[in-house]
Amino acid sequence: MKFTHKSYLKPLLHAAKYPTTAVNGVFLADNTSGAVVDAVPFFHFWNTLTPMLEVAMTQVDLHCKANGLRIIGYYEANERLDDEALSLVGQKIASQILQVTPDAFAVVIKNANISSENIAFLPYQFKEGMWRVSKGAFSGQSDLFTLENASSPSLTVKAVRDGLGSKLADFDDHLENVKEDWLTNKDIA
């Protein structure tokens, strides 16, 4: 999976905007190229399996169909700085995506790396009946997970420091103010 800068940036801005809570969302891939081109932030308040998750997934699915995209993955940042485990809720959501998309994956954000120039994504793949960390991802040892722009981590650090995350809206924000552009976040990247 090759991640564009926008698809790397948005989840990290989401996590940086809400540093004391868990956040989650989904990744979108282009139907033609297969590249991971965007991320849609879901929640910073309701991070469990709720009817609102179903509503958010439905709206993203409609957005994808209208724009030649598909849901390809799930992301989450845990509320604890050192927690890099994919939560049970995350496993269930990623497994739902996997039922539709055989190359689906999940990413746990390494919170400690958000403000550093190290890769902040820890990808998981479904292997041998469970979600497992993808070895060698983003290391150059494998083409399975790569960044389209090698400068994305340093550009993201600058965006976080400049406060770009304050412009990002997730579905929770949209529920509080329907004018929030949570599907595209056009002001980001």
Protein backbone atom coordinates (compact mmCIF):
# COMPACT_ATOMS: atom_id res chain seq x y z
CA MET A 1 0.00 0.00 0.00
CA LYS A 2 1.37 3.37 -0.99
CA PHE A 3 0.11 6.23 1.21
CA THR A 4 -0.20 9.74 -0.22
CA HIS A 5 0.79 12.63 2.02
CA LYS A 6 -2.86 13.48 2.70
CA SER A 7 -3.64 9.93 3.83
CA TYR A 8 -0.66 10.04 6.20
CA LEU A 9 -1.34 13.55 7.49
CA LYS A 10 -5.04 13.43 8.38
CA PRO A 11 -4.98 10.58 10.92
CA LEU A 12 -2.01 12.17 12.70
CA LEU A 13 -3.70 15.57 12.83
CA HIS A 14 -6.78 13.81 14.21
CA ALA A 15 -4.72 12.20 16.98
CA ALA A 16 -2.86 15.45 17.69
CA LYS A 17 -6.11 17.42 17.92
CA TYR A 18 -7.44 15.07 20.62
CA PRO A 19 -4.30 13.91 22.47
CA THR A 20 -6.08 12.62 25.59
CA THR A 21 -8.73 10.51 23.88
CA ALA A 22 -8.77 7.62 21.47
CA VAL A 23 -9.57 8.55 17.86
CA ASN A 24 -10.42 6.48 14.82
CA GLY A 25 -11.31 6.64 11.15
CA VAL A 26 -10.90 4.90 7.81
CA PHE A 27 -8.52 5.01 4.86
CA LEU A 28 -9.74 5.39 1.28
CA ALA A 29 -8.07 3.98 -1.81
CA ASP A 30 -8.38 5.04 -5.42
CA ASN A 31 -10.23 2.37 -7.42
CA THR A 32 -7.90 2.77 -10.38
CA SER A 33 -4.42 3.05 -8.88
CA GLY A 34 -5.04 1.25 -5.58
CA ALA A 35 -3.07 3.93 -3.72
CA VAL A 36 -4.29 5.02 -0.30
CA VAL A 37 -5.29 8.59 -1.17
CA ASP A 38 -7.29 9.86 1.79
CA ALA A 39 -8.41 9.26 5.35
CA VAL A 40 -11.75 10.12 6.92
CA PRO A 41 -11.75 10.83 10.67
CA PHE A 42 -14.68 9.33 12.57
CA PHE A 43 -14.67 9.74 16.31
CA HIS A 44 -12.90 11.24 19.28
CA PHE A 45 -15.75 10.73 21.71
CA TRP A 46 -17.73 7.61 20.73
CA ASN A 47 -15.08 5.00 20.00
CA THR A 48 -17.27 1.95 20.42
CA LEU A 49 -19.57 0.05 18.11
CA THR A 50 -22.58 2.34 18.00
CA PRO A 51 -25.33 3.19 15.52
CA MET A 52 -23.33 6.36 14.75
CA LEU A 53 -20.49 4.18 13.44
CA GLU A 54 -22.92 2.56 11.04
CA VAL A 55 -24.15 5.98 9.89
CA ALA A 56 -20.59 7.22 9.39
CA MET A 57 -19.60 4.10 7.42
CA THR A 58 -22.69 4.44 5.21
CA GLN A 59 -21.94 8.09 4.45
CA VAL A 60 -18.31 7.30 3.65
CA ASP A 61 -19.39 4.43 1.41
CA LEU A 62 -21.70 6.78 -0.54
CA HIS A 63 -18.88 9.35 -0.78
CA CYS A 64 -16.58 6.61 -2.13
CA LYS A 65 -19.05 5.45 -4.77
CA ALA A 66 -19.49 9.03 -6.00
CA ASN A 67 -15.73 9.64 -6.22
CA GLY A 68 -14.17 6.40 -7.52
CA LEU A 69 -12.84 5.39 -4.11
CA ARG A 70 -13.21 2.47 -1.71
CA ILE A 71 -12.72 1.93 2.00
CA ILE A 72 -9.47 0.00 2.34
CA GLY A 73 -8.43 0.31 5.96
CA TYR A 74 -9.08 1.45 9.49
CA TYR A 75 -6.99 3.59 11.82
CA GLU A 76 -6.98 4.34 15.50
CA ALA A 77 -4.85 6.16 18.04
CA ASN A 78 -5.16 4.90 21.58
CA GLU A 79 -5.56 7.28 24.49
CA ARG A 80 -2.35 6.11 26.15
CA LEU A 81 0.94 7.29 24.67
CA ASP A 82 2.60 3.87 24.73
CA ASP A 83 -0.39 1.73 23.65
CA GLU A 84 0.25 0.33 20.15
CA ALA A 85 -2.19 -2.58 20.30
CA LEU A 86 -5.15 -2.77 17.93
CA SER A 87 -8.20 -2.57 20.18
CA LEU A 88 -11.00 -5.15 20.12
CA VAL A 89 -13.32 -2.54 18.61
CA GLY A 90 -10.66 -1.79 16.02
CA GLN A 91 -10.32 -5.47 15.19
CA LYS A 92 -14.08 -5.75 14.67
CA ILE A 93 -14.26 -2.69 12.42
CA ALA A 94 -11.20 -3.80 10.41
CA SER A 95 -12.73 -7.27 10.08
CA GLN A 96 -15.92 -5.73 8.68
CA ILE A 97 -13.84 -3.89 6.08
CA LEU A 98 -11.94 -7.12 5.35
CA GLN A 99 -15.22 -8.86 4.45
CA VAL A 100 -15.66 -6.42 1.55
CA THR A 101 -12.01 -5.65 0.73
CA PRO A 102 -9.62 -8.64 0.78
CA ASP A 103 -6.51 -6.41 1.03
CA ALA A 104 -7.85 -4.44 4.00
CA PHE A 105 -5.51 -3.41 6.80
CA ALA A 106 -5.56 -1.55 10.09
CA VAL A 107 -3.15 1.06 11.43
CA VAL A 108 -2.44 1.96 15.02
CA ILE A 109 -0.90 5.39 15.38
CA LYS A 110 2.29 5.45 17.40
CA ASN A 111 1.40 8.44 19.54
CA ALA A 112 5.00 9.02 20.61
CA ASN A 113 6.00 9.49 16.94
CA ILE A 114 3.38 12.09 15.99
CA SER A 115 5.70 14.97 16.77
CA SER A 116 8.87 13.26 15.56
CA GLU A 117 10.16 12.52 12.09
CA ASN A 118 9.80 8.77 12.63
CA ILE A 119 6.97 6.92 10.90
CA ALA A 120 3.92 7.08 13.17
CA PHE A 121 1.94 4.25 11.52
CA LEU A 122 2.01 0.68 12.84
CA PRO A 123 0.11 -1.40 10.25
CA TYR A 124 -1.73 -4.61 11.02
CA GLN A 125 -2.80 -7.31 8.55
CA PHE A 126 -5.13 -10.24 9.01
CA LYS A 127 -2.98 -13.38 8.95
CA GLU A 128 -3.47 -16.85 10.37
CA GLY A 129 -6.89 -15.96 11.76
CA MET A 130 -5.93 -12.81 13.64
CA TRP A 131 -4.75 -9.21 13.23
CA ARG A 132 -0.96 -9.09 13.37
CA VAL A 133 1.64 -6.33 13.09
CA SER A 134 3.02 -6.16 9.56
CA LYS A 135 6.76 -6.76 9.86
CA GLY A 136 9.07 -4.53 7.83
CA ALA A 137 6.39 -1.96 7.01
CA PHE A 138 7.66 1.50 6.03
CA SER A 139 11.24 0.30 6.48
CA GLY A 140 12.20 -0.14 2.86
CA GLN A 141 12.38 -3.92 3.43
CA SER A 142 8.96 -4.38 1.88
CA ASP A 143 6.81 -2.63 -0.72
CA LEU A 144 3.70 -3.63 1.19
CA PHE A 145 3.45 -0.34 3.12
CA THR A 146 5.25 2.75 1.80
CA LEU A 147 4.92 6.52 1.74
CA GLU A 148 4.52 8.23 -1.62
CA ASN A 149 6.42 11.22 -0.22
CA ALA A 150 9.39 10.38 1.99
CA SER A 151 9.07 13.88 3.52
CA SER A 152 5.58 13.18 4.89
CA PRO A 153 6.75 12.62 8.50
CA SER A 154 8.69 15.91 8.65
CA LEU A 155 5.90 17.81 6.85
CA THR A 156 3.41 16.36 9.32
CA VAL A 157 5.49 17.47 12.31
CA LYS A 158 5.44 21.01 10.89
CA ALA A 159 1.66 20.84 10.30
CA VAL A 160 1.08 19.67 13.89
CA ARG A 161 3.30 22.44 15.28
CA ASP A 162 1.54 25.02 13.10
CA GLY A 163 -1.84 23.96 14.53
CA LEU A 164 -3.33 22.63 11.28
CA GLY A 165 -5.17 19.99 13.34
CA SER A 166 -7.54 22.66 14.65
CA LYS A 167 -9.05 22.84 11.13
CA LEU A 168 -9.71 19.09 10.97
CA ALA A 169 -13.27 17.89 11.63
CA ASP A 170 -14.34 14.34 12.43
CA PHE A 171 -17.83 12.83 12.43
CA ASP A 172 -18.26 13.70 16.13
CA ASP A 173 -17.60 17.35 15.23
CA HIS A 174 -20.10 17.09 12.38
CA LEU A 175 -22.76 15.79 14.77
CA GLU A 176 -22.27 18.93 16.88
CA ASN A 177 -22.15 21.29 13.87
CA VAL A 178 -23.45 19.94 10.56
CA LYS A 179 -21.46 22.58 8.65
CA GLU A 180 -18.21 20.77 9.51
CA ASP A 181 -16.68 19.13 6.42
CA TRP A 182 -15.69 15.79 7.95
CA LEU A 183 -15.77 13.72 4.73
CA THR A 184 -13.17 15.69 2.79
CA ASN A 185 -11.63 18.23 5.20
CA LYS A 186 -10.71 20.36 2.18
CA ASP A 187 -8.64 22.75 4.31
CA ILE A 188 -6.21 19.91 5.09
CA ALA A 189 -3.47 19.04 2.55
